[in-house]
PDB file of N, CA and C in Angstrom:
ATOM      1  N   MET A   1     -10.081   8.793   8.629  1.00  0.00           N
ATOM      2  CA  MET A   1      -9.700   7.731   7.719  1.00  0.00           C
ATOM      3  C   MET A   1      -8.399   8.122   7.020  1.00  0.00           C
ATOM      4  N   ALA A   2      -7.446   7.197   7.018  1.00  0.00           N
ATOM      5  CA  ALA A   2      -6.170   7.515   6.382  1.00  0.00           C
ATOM      6  C   ALA A   2      -5.352   6.266   6.098  1.00  0.00           C
ATOM      7  N   ILE A   3      -4.502   6.393   5.104  1.00  0.00           N
ATOM      8  CA  ILE A   3      -3.455   5.426   4.805  1.00  0.00           C
ATOM      9  C   ILE A   3      -2.162   6.223   4.810  1.00  0.00           C
ATOM     10  N   THR A   4      -1.137   5.714   5.489  1.00  0.00           N
ATOM     11  CA  THR A   4       0.120   6.445   5.582  1.00  0.00           C
ATOM     12  C   THR A   4       1.288   5.600   5.092  1.00  0.00           C
ATOM     13  N   LEU A   5       2.375   6.288   4.796  1.00  0.00           N
ATOM     14  CA  LEU A   5       3.644   5.657   4.460  1.00  0.00           C
ATOM     15  C   LEU A   5       4.630   5.961   5.573  1.00  0.00           C
ATOM     16  N   SER A   6       5.462   4.997   5.904  1.00  0.00           N
ATOM     17  CA  SER A   6       6.561   5.285   6.812  1.00  0.00           C
ATOM     18  C   SER A   6       7.578   6.124   6.045  1.00  0.00           C
ATOM     19  N   GLU A   7       8.505   6.716   6.744  1.00  0.00           N
ATOM     20  CA  GLU A   7       9.538   7.512   6.075  1.00  0.00           C
ATOM     21  C   GLU A   7      10.356   6.645   5.116  1.00  0.00           C
ATOM     22  N   ASN A   8      10.684   5.404   5.531  1.00  0.00           N
ATOM     23  CA  ASN A   8      11.430   4.489   4.652  1.00  0.00           C
ATOM     24  C   ASN A   8      10.646   4.151   3.384  1.00  0.00           C
ATOM     25  N   ALA A   9       9.354   3.884   3.528  1.00  0.00           N
ATOM     26  CA  ALA A   9       8.529   3.553   2.364  1.00  0.00           C
ATOM     27  C   ALA A   9       8.418   4.750   1.429  1.00  0.00           C
ATOM     28  N   ALA A  10       8.214   5.935   1.987  1.00  0.00           N
ATOM     29  CA  ALA A  10       8.108   7.145   1.164  1.00  0.00           C
ATOM     30  C   ALA A  10       9.404   7.384   0.396  1.00  0.00           C
ATOM     31  N   ARG A  11      10.528   7.201   1.046  1.00  0.00           N
ATOM     32  CA  ARG A  11      11.826   7.379   0.382  1.00  0.00           C
ATOM     33  C   ARG A  11      11.994   6.364  -0.753  1.00  0.00           C
ATOM     34  N   HIS A  12      11.626   5.112  -0.501  1.00  0.00           N
ATOM     35  CA  HIS A  12      11.751   4.065  -1.516  1.00  0.00           C
ATOM     36  C   HIS A  12      10.850   4.366  -2.724  1.00  0.00           C
ATOM     37  N   VAL A  13       9.600   4.724  -2.478  1.00  0.00           N
ATOM     38  CA  VAL A  13       8.670   5.043  -3.561  1.00  0.00           C
ATOM     39  C   VAL A  13       9.158   6.260  -4.336  1.00  0.00           C
ATOM     40  N   SER A  14       9.591   7.286  -3.625  1.00  0.00           N
ATOM     41  CA  SER A  14      10.078   8.502  -4.270  1.00  0.00           C
ATOM     42  C   SER A  14      11.278   8.211  -5.170  1.00  0.00           C
ATOM     43  N   ASN A  15      12.211   7.404  -4.676  1.00  0.00           N
ATOM     44  CA  ASN A  15      13.382   7.032  -5.480  1.00  0.00           C
ATOM     45  C   ASN A  15      12.974   6.230  -6.709  1.00  0.00           C
ATOM     46  N   PHE A  16      12.024   5.325  -6.561  1.00  0.00           N
ATOM     47  CA  PHE A  16      11.595   4.503  -7.681  1.00  0.00           C
ATOM     48  C   PHE A  16      10.867   5.343  -8.733  1.00  0.00           C
ATOM     49  N   ILE A  17      10.048   6.297  -8.285  1.00  0.00           N
ATOM     50  CA  ILE A  17       9.358   7.189  -9.226  1.00  0.00           C
ATOM     51  C   ILE A  17      10.387   8.025  -9.996  1.00  0.00           C
ATOM     52  N   ALA A  18      11.414   8.481  -9.313  1.00  0.00           N
ATOM     53  CA  ALA A  18      12.473   9.252  -9.979  1.00  0.00           C
ATOM     54  C   ALA A  18      13.180   8.405 -11.039  1.00  0.00           C
ATOM     55  N   LYS A  19      13.439   7.137 -10.740  1.00  0.00           N
ATOM     56  CA  LYS A  19      14.079   6.244 -11.712  1.00  0.00           C
ATOM     57  C   LYS A  19      13.157   5.965 -12.899  1.00  0.00           C
ATOM     58  N   ARG A  20      11.842   5.842 -12.637  1.00  0.00           N
ATOM     59  CA  ARG A  20      10.858   5.624 -13.701  1.00  0.00           C
ATOM     60  C   ARG A  20      10.752   6.849 -14.603  1.00  0.00           C
ATOM     61  N   GLY A  21      10.943   8.021 -14.008  1.00  0.00           N
ATOM     62  CA  GLY A  21      10.825   9.256 -14.764  1.00  0.00           C
ATOM     63  C   GLY A  21       9.419   9.813 -14.822  1.00  0.00           C
ATOM     64  N   LYS A  22       8.482   9.164 -14.146  1.00  0.00           N
ATOM     65  CA  LYS A  22       7.103   9.647 -14.106  1.00  0.00           C
ATOM     66  C   LYS A  22       6.371   8.984 -12.953  1.00  0.00           C
ATOM     67  N   GLY A  23       5.248   9.583 -12.573  1.00  0.00           N
ATOM     68  CA  GLY A  23       4.410   9.000 -11.531  1.00  0.00           C
ATOM     69  C   GLY A  23       3.947  10.032 -10.523  1.00  0.00           C
ATOM     70  N   LEU A  24       2.695   9.878 -10.099  1.00  0.00           N
ATOM     71  CA  LEU A  24       2.113  10.755  -9.085  1.00  0.00           C
ATOM     72  C   LEU A  24       2.243  10.174  -7.682  1.00  0.00           C
ATOM     73  N   GLY A  25       2.409   8.858  -7.591  1.00  0.00           N
ATOM     74  CA  GLY A  25       2.465   8.171  -6.315  1.00  0.00           C
ATOM     75  C   GLY A  25       2.170   6.703  -6.513  1.00  0.00           C
ATOM     76  N   VAL A  26       1.614   6.071  -5.473  1.00  0.00           N
ATOM     77  CA  VAL A  26       1.265   4.654  -5.554  1.00  0.00           C
ATOM     78  C   VAL A  26      -0.205   4.465  -5.220  1.00  0.00           C
ATOM     79  N   ARG A  27      -0.774   3.394  -5.777  1.00  0.00           N
ATOM     80  CA  ARG A  27      -2.157   3.021  -5.481  1.00  0.00           C
ATOM     81  C   ARG A  27      -2.125   1.760  -4.625  1.00  0.00           C
ATOM     82  N   LEU A  28      -2.813   1.827  -3.488  1.00  0.00           N
ATOM     83  CA  LEU A  28      -2.946   0.672  -2.609  1.00  0.00           C
ATOM     84  C   LEU A  28      -4.408   0.264  -2.617  1.00  0.00           C
ATOM     85  N   GLY A  29      -4.649  -1.000  -2.876  1.00  0.00           N
ATOM     86  CA  GLY A  29      -6.005  -1.514  -2.896  1.00  0.00           C
ATOM     87  C   GLY A  29      -6.035  -2.941  -2.413  1.00  0.00           C
ATOM     88  N   VAL A  30      -7.211  -3.522  -2.423  1.00  0.00           N
ATOM     89  CA  VAL A  30      -7.379  -4.924  -2.056  1.00  0.00           C
ATOM     90  C   VAL A  30      -8.127  -5.637  -3.170  1.00  0.00           C
ATOM     91  N   LYS A  31      -7.885  -6.936  -3.274  1.00  0.00           N
ATOM     92  CA  LYS A  31      -8.607  -7.770  -4.234  1.00  0.00           C
ATOM     93  C   LYS A  31      -8.929  -9.089  -3.560  1.00  0.00           C
ATOM     94  N   THR A  32      -9.940  -9.757  -4.038  1.00  0.00           N
ATOM     95  CA  THR A  32     -10.295 -11.067  -3.521  1.00  0.00           C
ATOM     96  C   THR A  32      -9.286 -12.065  -4.058  1.00  0.00           C
ATOM     97  N   SER A  33      -8.613 -12.761  -3.136  1.00  0.00           N
ATOM     98  CA  SER A  33      -7.556 -13.680  -3.558  1.00  0.00           C
ATOM     99  C   SER A  33      -7.019 -14.434  -2.351  1.00  0.00           C
ATOM    100  N   GLY A  34      -6.282 -15.490  -2.634  1.00  0.00           N
ATOM    101  CA  GLY A  34      -5.561 -16.205  -1.590  1.00  0.00           C
ATOM    102  C   GLY A  34      -6.440 -17.062  -0.702  1.00  0.00           C
ATOM    103  N   CYS A  35      -5.791 -17.764   0.201  1.00  0.00           N
ATOM    104  CA  CYS A  35      -6.507 -18.694   1.066  1.00  0.00           C
ATOM    105  C   CYS A  35      -7.232 -18.002   2.217  1.00  0.00           C
ATOM    106  N   SER A  36      -6.895 -16.746   2.515  1.00  0.00           N
ATOM    107  CA  SER A  36      -7.573 -16.028   3.597  1.00  0.00           C
ATOM    108  C   SER A  36      -8.630 -15.052   3.100  1.00  0.00           C
ATOM    109  N   GLY A  37      -8.731 -14.871   1.796  1.00  0.00           N
ATOM    110  CA  GLY A  37      -9.821 -14.073   1.259  1.00  0.00           C
ATOM    111  C   GLY A  37      -9.444 -12.801   0.531  1.00  0.00           C
ATOM    112  N   MET A  38      -8.463 -12.044   1.020  1.00  0.00           N
ATOM    113  CA  MET A  38      -8.109 -10.778   0.392  1.00  0.00           C
ATOM    114  C   MET A  38      -6.597 -10.661   0.271  1.00  0.00           C
ATOM    115  N   ALA A  39      -6.165  -9.915  -0.748  1.00  0.00           N
ATOM    116  CA  ALA A  39      -4.744  -9.661  -0.947  1.00  0.00           C
ATOM    117  C   ALA A  39      -4.567  -8.189  -1.294  1.00  0.00           C
ATOM    118  N   TYR A  40      -3.397  -7.663  -1.000  1.00  0.00           N
ATOM    119  CA  TYR A  40      -3.090  -6.270  -1.313  1.00  0.00           C
ATOM    120  C   TYR A  40      -2.695  -6.123  -2.778  1.00  0.00           C
ATOM    121  N   LYS A  41      -3.043  -4.977  -3.364  1.00  0.00           N
ATOM    122  CA  LYS A  41      -2.579  -4.584  -4.698  1.00  0.00           C
ATOM    123  C   LYS A  41      -1.788  -3.300  -4.502  1.00  0.00           C
ATOM    124  N   LEU A  42      -0.632  -3.229  -5.112  1.00  0.00           N
ATOM    125  CA  LEU A  42       0.196  -2.034  -5.028  1.00  0.00           C
ATOM    126  C   LEU A  42       0.741  -1.752  -6.414  1.00  0.00           C
ATOM    127  N   GLU A  43       0.483  -0.552  -6.926  1.00  0.00           N
ATOM    128  CA  GLU A  43       0.948  -0.198  -8.261  1.00  0.00           C
ATOM    129  C   GLU A  43       1.217   1.305  -8.329  1.00  0.00           C
ATOM    130  N   PHE A  44       2.008   1.699  -9.305  1.00  0.00           N
ATOM    131  CA  PHE A  44       2.296   3.113  -9.490  1.00  0.00           C
ATOM    132  C   PHE A  44       1.120   3.796 -10.165  1.00  0.00           C
ATOM    133  N   VAL A  45       0.921   5.071  -9.850  1.00  0.00           N
ATOM    134  CA  VAL A  45      -0.150   5.873 -10.435  1.00  0.00           C
ATOM    135  C   VAL A  45       0.488   6.948 -11.310  1.00  0.00           C
ATOM    136  N   ASP A  46       0.126   6.924 -12.584  1.00  0.00           N
ATOM    137  CA  ASP A  46       0.585   7.958 -13.503  1.00  0.00           C
ATOM    138  C   ASP A  46      -0.502   8.992 -13.756  1.00  0.00           C
ATOM    139  N   VAL A  47      -1.766   8.550 -13.670  1.00  0.00           N
ATOM    140  CA  VAL A  47      -2.913   9.440 -13.858  1.00  0.00           C
ATOM    141  C   VAL A  47      -3.946   9.110 -12.784  1.00  0.00           C
ATOM    142  N   ALA A  48      -4.348  10.103 -12.038  1.00  0.00           N
ATOM    143  CA  ALA A  48      -5.342   9.892 -10.979  1.00  0.00           C
ATOM    144  C   ALA A  48      -6.739   9.770 -11.587  1.00  0.00           C
ATOM    145  N   SER A  49      -7.573   8.952 -10.965  1.00  0.00           N
ATOM    146  CA  SER A  49      -8.974   8.802 -11.364  1.00  0.00           C
ATOM    147  C   SER A  49      -9.828   9.804 -10.594  1.00  0.00           C
ATOM    148  N   ASP A  50     -10.990  10.124 -11.133  1.00  0.00           N
ATOM    149  CA  ASP A  50     -11.894  11.066 -10.467  1.00  0.00           C
ATOM    150  C   ASP A  50     -12.365  10.547  -9.111  1.00  0.00           C
ATOM    151  N   ASP A  51     -12.485   9.219  -8.973  1.00  0.00           N
ATOM    152  CA  ASP A  51     -12.994   8.652  -7.725  1.00  0.00           C
ATOM    153  C   ASP A  51     -11.884   8.248  -6.751  1.00  0.00           C
ATOM    154  N   ASP A  52     -10.633   8.615  -7.050  1.00  0.00           N
ATOM    155  CA  ASP A  52      -9.517   8.313  -6.144  1.00  0.00           C
ATOM    156  C   ASP A  52      -9.614   9.124  -4.862  1.00  0.00           C
ATOM    157  N   ILE A  53      -9.197   8.496  -3.787  1.00  0.00           N
ATOM    158  CA  ILE A  53      -9.016   9.174  -2.506  1.00  0.00           C
ATOM    159  C   ILE A  53      -7.512   9.202  -2.294  1.00  0.00           C
ATOM    160  N   ALA A  54      -6.956  10.384  -2.037  1.00  0.00           N
ATOM    161  CA  ALA A  54      -5.499  10.519  -1.929  1.00  0.00           C
ATOM    162  C   ALA A  54      -5.088  10.947  -0.526  1.00  0.00           C
ATOM    163  N   PHE A  55      -3.986  10.371  -0.072  1.00  0.00           N
ATOM    164  CA  PHE A  55      -3.354  10.733   1.189  1.00  0.00           C
ATOM    165  C   PHE A  55      -1.890  11.032   0.881  1.00  0.00           C
ATOM    166  N   GLU A  56      -1.245  11.813   1.722  1.00  0.00           N
ATOM    167  CA  GLU A  56       0.154  12.137   1.477  1.00  0.00           C
ATOM    168  C   GLU A  56       0.966  11.961   2.749  1.00  0.00           C
ATOM    169  N   SER A  57       2.127  11.306   2.599  1.00  0.00           N
ATOM    170  CA  SER A  57       3.067  11.120   3.706  1.00  0.00           C
ATOM    171  C   SER A  57       4.466  11.400   3.194  1.00  0.00           C
ATOM    172  N   PHE A  58       5.187  12.267   3.871  1.00  0.00           N
ATOM    173  CA  PHE A  58       6.571  12.582   3.529  1.00  0.00           C
ATOM    174  C   PHE A  58       6.706  12.969   2.050  1.00  0.00           C
ATOM    175  N   GLY A  59       5.705  13.695   1.529  1.00  0.00           N
ATOM    176  CA  GLY A  59       5.754  14.186   0.164  1.00  0.00           C
ATOM    177  C   GLY A  59       5.365  13.182  -0.900  1.00  0.00           C
ATOM    178  N   VAL A  60       4.916  11.992  -0.518  1.00  0.00           N
ATOM    179  CA  VAL A  60       4.519  10.958  -1.480  1.00  0.00           C
ATOM    180  C   VAL A  60       3.029  10.680  -1.319  1.00  0.00           C
ATOM    181  N   LYS A  61       2.317  10.623  -2.445  1.00  0.00           N
ATOM    182  CA  LYS A  61       0.877  10.389  -2.412  1.00  0.00           C
ATOM    183  C   LYS A  61       0.553   8.901  -2.501  1.00  0.00           C
ATOM    184  N   VAL A  62      -0.451   8.513  -1.722  1.00  0.00           N
ATOM    185  CA  VAL A  62      -1.018   7.165  -1.759  1.00  0.00           C
ATOM    186  C   VAL A  62      -2.472   7.310  -2.190  1.00  0.00           C
ATOM    187  N   PHE A  63      -2.843   6.624  -3.261  1.00  0.00           N
ATOM    188  CA  PHE A  63      -4.198   6.671  -3.791  1.00  0.00           C
ATOM    189  C   PHE A  63      -4.905   5.359  -3.470  1.00  0.00           C
ATOM    190  N   THR A  64      -6.207   5.442  -3.239  1.00  0.00           N
ATOM    191  CA  THR A  64      -7.018   4.253  -3.048  1.00  0.00           C
ATOM    192  C   THR A  64      -8.442   4.562  -3.498  1.00  0.00           C
ATOM    193  N   ASP A  65      -9.288   3.553  -3.508  1.00  0.00           N
ATOM    194  CA  ASP A  65     -10.701   3.740  -3.830  1.00  0.00           C
ATOM    195  C   ASP A  65     -11.508   3.539  -2.554  1.00  0.00           C
ATOM    196  N   ALA A  66     -12.750   3.991  -2.572  1.00  0.00           N
ATOM    197  CA  ALA A  66     -13.593   3.944  -1.374  1.00  0.00           C
ATOM    198  C   ALA A  66     -13.815   2.517  -0.873  1.00  0.00           C
ATOM    199  N   LYS A  67     -13.987   1.570  -1.790  1.00  0.00           N
ATOM    200  CA  LYS A  67     -14.211   0.182  -1.386  1.00  0.00           C
ATOM    201  C   LYS A  67     -12.989  -0.376  -0.645  1.00  0.00           C
ATOM    202  N   SER A  68     -11.798  -0.132  -1.181  1.00  0.00           N
ATOM    203  CA  SER A  68     -10.577  -0.623  -0.534  1.00  0.00           C
ATOM    204  C   SER A  68     -10.317   0.082   0.794  1.00  0.00           C
ATOM    205  N   LEU A  69     -10.659   1.377   0.868  1.00  0.00           N
ATOM    206  CA  LEU A  69     -10.400   2.134   2.090  1.00  0.00           C
ATOM    207  C   LEU A  69     -11.115   1.530   3.287  1.00  0.00           C
ATOM    208  N   ALA A  70     -12.259   0.915   3.062  1.00  0.00           N
ATOM    209  CA  ALA A  70     -12.984   0.270   4.171  1.00  0.00           C
ATOM    210  C   ALA A  70     -12.132  -0.817   4.826  1.00  0.00           C
ATOM    211  N   TYR A  71     -11.262  -1.471   4.057  1.00  0.00           N
ATOM    212  CA  TYR A  71     -10.392  -2.531   4.584  1.00  0.00           C
ATOM    213  C   TYR A  71      -9.008  -2.017   4.969  1.00  0.00           C
ATOM    214  N   LEU A  72      -8.635  -0.844   4.464  1.00  0.00           N
ATOM    215  CA  LEU A  72      -7.277  -0.334   4.633  1.00  0.00           C
ATOM    216  C   LEU A  72      -7.159   0.844   5.592  1.00  0.00           C
ATOM    217  N   ASP A  73      -8.266   1.345   6.094  1.00  0.00           N
ATOM    218  CA  ASP A  73      -8.220   2.520   6.969  1.00  0.00           C
ATOM    219  C   ASP A  73      -7.281   2.279   8.151  1.00  0.00           C
ATOM    220  N   GLY A  74      -6.366   3.187   8.345  1.00  0.00           N
ATOM    221  CA  GLY A  74      -5.401   3.076   9.443  1.00  0.00           C
ATOM    222  C   GLY A  74      -4.133   2.332   9.076  1.00  0.00           C
ATOM    223  N   THR A  75      -4.034   1.837   7.853  1.00  0.00           N
ATOM    224  CA  THR A  75      -2.865   1.065   7.422  1.00  0.00           C
ATOM    225  C   THR A  75      -1.653   1.960   7.220  1.00  0.00           C
ATOM    226  N   GLU A  76      -0.505   1.474   7.687  1.00  0.00           N
ATOM    227  CA  GLU A  76       0.767   2.116   7.390  1.00  0.00           C
ATOM    228  C   GLU A  76       1.535   1.178   6.470  1.00  0.00           C
ATOM    229  N   LEU A  77       1.985   1.705   5.356  1.00  0.00           N
ATOM    230  CA  LEU A  77       2.824   0.963   4.428  1.00  0.00           C
ATOM    231  C   LEU A  77       4.265   1.263   4.790  1.00  0.00           C
ATOM    232  N   ASP A  78       5.009   0.237   5.157  1.00  0.00           N
ATOM    233  CA  ASP A  78       6.404   0.387   5.555  1.00  0.00           C
ATOM    234  C   ASP A  78       7.284  -0.328   4.539  1.00  0.00           C
ATOM    235  N   TYR A  79       8.555   0.024   4.507  1.00  0.00           N
ATOM    236  CA  TYR A  79       9.519  -0.677   3.663  1.00  0.00           C
ATOM    237  C   TYR A  79      10.622  -1.161   4.581  1.00  0.00           C
ATOM    238  N   THR A  80      10.801  -2.477   4.642  1.00  0.00           N
ATOM    239  CA  THR A  80      11.761  -3.053   5.578  1.00  0.00           C
ATOM    240  C   THR A  80      12.821  -3.868   4.857  1.00  0.00           C
ATOM    241  N   LYS A  81      13.935  -3.973   5.505  1.00  0.00           N
ATOM    242  CA  LYS A  81      15.040  -4.796   5.006  1.00  0.00           C
ATOM    243  C   LYS A  81      15.511  -5.651   6.175  1.00  0.00           C
ATOM    244  N   GLU A  82      15.354  -6.965   6.017  1.00  0.00           N
ATOM    245  CA  GLU A  82      15.734  -7.905   7.070  1.00  0.00           C
ATOM    246  C   GLU A  82      16.626  -8.971   6.456  1.00  0.00           C
ATOM    247  N   GLY A  83      17.912  -8.877   6.705  1.00  0.00           N
ATOM    248  CA  GLY A  83      18.857  -9.807   6.099  1.00  0.00           C
ATOM    249  C   GLY A  83      18.872  -9.628   4.594  1.00  0.00           C
ATOM    250  N   LEU A  84      18.642 -10.714   3.868  1.00  0.00           N
ATOM    251  CA  LEU A  84      18.609 -10.652   2.407  1.00  0.00           C
ATOM    252  C   LEU A  84      17.236 -10.269   1.864  1.00  0.00           C
ATOM    253  N   ASN A  85      16.234 -10.238   2.741  1.00  0.00           N
ATOM    254  CA  ASN A  85      14.869  -9.926   2.320  1.00  0.00           C
ATOM    255  C   ASN A  85      14.560  -8.453   2.517  1.00  0.00           C
ATOM    256  N   GLU A  86      13.947  -7.865   1.503  1.00  0.00           N
ATOM    257  CA  GLU A  86      13.466  -6.501   1.637  1.00  0.00           C
ATOM    258  C   GLU A  86      12.173  -6.358   0.858  1.00  0.00           C
ATOM    259  N   GLY A  87      11.328  -5.453   1.330  1.00  0.00           N
ATOM    260  CA  GLY A  87      10.068  -5.233   0.633  1.00  0.00           C
ATOM    261  C   GLY A  87       9.091  -4.458   1.485  1.00  0.00           C
ATOM    262  N   PHE A  88       7.914  -4.258   0.922  1.00  0.00           N
ATOM    263  CA  PHE A  88       6.876  -3.519   1.629  1.00  0.00           C
ATOM    264  C   PHE A  88       6.207  -4.404   2.676  1.00  0.00           C
ATOM    265  N   LYS A  89       5.874  -3.785   3.782  1.00  0.00           N
ATOM    266  CA  LYS A  89       5.163  -4.448   4.873  1.00  0.00           C
ATOM    267  C   LYS A  89       3.902  -3.638   5.147  1.00  0.00           C
ATOM    268  N   PHE A  90       2.780  -4.331   5.220  1.00  0.00           N
ATOM    269  CA  PHE A  90       1.498  -3.682   5.437  1.00  0.00           C
ATOM    270  C   PHE A  90       1.123  -3.812   6.908  1.00  0.00           C
ATOM    271  N   ASN A  91       1.140  -2.707   7.626  1.00  0.00           N
ATOM    272  CA  ASN A  91       0.739  -2.684   9.033  1.00  0.00           C
ATOM    273  C   ASN A  91      -0.719  -2.238   9.077  1.00  0.00           C
ATOM    274  N   ASN A  92      -1.613  -3.239   8.959  1.00  0.00           N
ATOM    275  CA  ASN A  92      -3.036  -2.984   8.840  1.00  0.00           C
ATOM    276  C   ASN A  92      -3.734  -3.394  10.139  1.00  0.00           C
ATOM    277  N   PRO A  93      -4.261  -2.415  10.891  1.00  0.00           N
ATOM    278  CA  PRO A  93      -4.911  -2.737  12.165  1.00  0.00           C
ATOM    279  C   PRO A  93      -6.231  -3.490  12.016  1.00  0.00           C
ATOM    280  N   ASN A  94      -6.770  -3.587  10.805  1.00  0.00           N
ATOM    281  CA  ASN A  94      -8.052  -4.245  10.567  1.00  0.00           C
ATOM    282  C   ASN A  94      -7.934  -5.752  10.363  1.00  0.00           C
ATOM    283  N   VAL A  95      -6.723  -6.255  10.142  1.00  0.00           N
ATOM    284  CA  VAL A  95      -6.519  -7.666   9.834  1.00  0.00           C
ATOM    285  C   VAL A  95      -6.814  -8.528  11.058  1.00  0.00           C
ATOM    286  N   LYS A  96      -7.664  -9.532  10.854  1.00  0.00           N
ATOM    287  CA  LYS A  96      -7.988 -10.491  11.920  1.00  0.00           C
ATOM    288  C   LYS A  96      -7.114 -11.739  11.800  1.00  0.00           C
ATOM    289  N   ASN A  97      -6.897 -12.215  10.559  1.00  0.00           N
ATOM    290  CA  ASN A  97      -6.093 -13.406  10.296  1.00  0.00           C
ATOM    291  C   ASN A  97      -5.318 -13.228   9.004  1.00  0.00           C
ATOM    292  N   GLU A  98      -4.134 -13.851   8.956  1.00  0.00           N
ATOM    293  CA  GLU A  98      -3.337 -13.887   7.738  1.00  0.00           C
ATOM    294  C   GLU A  98      -3.037 -15.340   7.409  1.00  0.00           C
ATOM    295  N   CYS A  99      -2.829 -15.617   6.121  1.00  0.00           N
ATOM    296  CA  CYS A  99      -2.458 -16.983   5.755  1.00  0.00           C
ATOM    297  C   CYS A  99      -1.004 -17.219   6.145  1.00  0.00           C
ATOM    298  N   GLY A 100      -0.589 -18.461   6.133  1.00  0.00           N
ATOM    299  CA  GLY A 100       0.771 -18.821   6.531  1.00  0.00           C
ATOM    300  C   GLY A 100       1.846 -18.206   5.669  1.00  0.00           C
ATOM    301  N   CYS A 101       1.566 -17.997   4.389  1.00  0.00           N
ATOM    302  CA  CYS A 101       2.587 -17.441   3.492  1.00  0.00           C
ATOM    303  C   CYS A 101       2.605 -15.911   3.557  1.00  0.00           C
ATOM    304  N   GLY A 102       1.625 -15.292   4.219  1.00  0.00           N
ATOM    305  CA  GLY A 102       1.604 -13.849   4.358  1.00  0.00           C
ATOM    306  C   GLY A 102       1.095 -13.105   3.143  1.00  0.00           C
ATOM    307  N   GLU A 103       0.548 -13.814   2.168  1.00  0.00           N
ATOM    308  CA  GLU A 103       0.097 -13.179   0.925  1.00  0.00           C
ATOM    309  C   GLU A 103      -1.355 -12.720   0.993  1.00  0.00           C
ATOM    310  N   SER A 104      -2.148 -13.265   1.908  1.00  0.00           N
ATOM    311  CA  SER A 104      -3.546 -12.863   1.969  1.00  0.00           C
ATOM    312  C   SER A 104      -3.985 -12.713   3.429  1.00  0.00           C
ATOM    313  N   PHE A 105      -5.142 -12.070   3.598  1.00  0.00           N
ATOM    314  CA  PHE A 105      -5.641 -11.751   4.943  1.00  0.00           C
ATOM    315  C   PHE A 105      -7.157 -11.696   4.913  1.00  0.00           C
ATOM    316  N   ASN A 106      -7.759 -11.623   6.105  1.00  0.00           N
ATOM    317  CA  ASN A 106      -9.180 -11.331   6.199  1.00  0.00           C
ATOM    318  C   ASN A 106      -9.411 -10.363   7.357  1.00  0.00           C
ATOM    319  N   VAL A 107     -10.550  -9.669   7.288  1.00  0.00           N
ATOM    320  CA  VAL A 107     -10.874  -8.673   8.309  1.00  0.00           C
ATOM    321  C   VAL A 107     -12.170  -9.033   9.000  1.00  0.00           C
TER     322      VAL A 107
END
């Protein structure tokens, strides 16, 4: 079981943490939302919880909880830039369907 960051995503997160001046890494989770049922949550982690599960890629830690890991196992978080658009891309092998706007998914 694992969640990974691409090299581009790790570099982006690392640079952002340096600009913030604090942070242990990022937390990736899921929440019930959207027209397809689930949506990703991504936030910075300043203090780890006792029940956190941590993974590390390219020197950057990704934290999650056991419930979210069931939906996120095998996911790679990438950071892409396409024309004027840039942002995180979730390469989740568990996704069966996504909504048209790309904001939610189901497994």
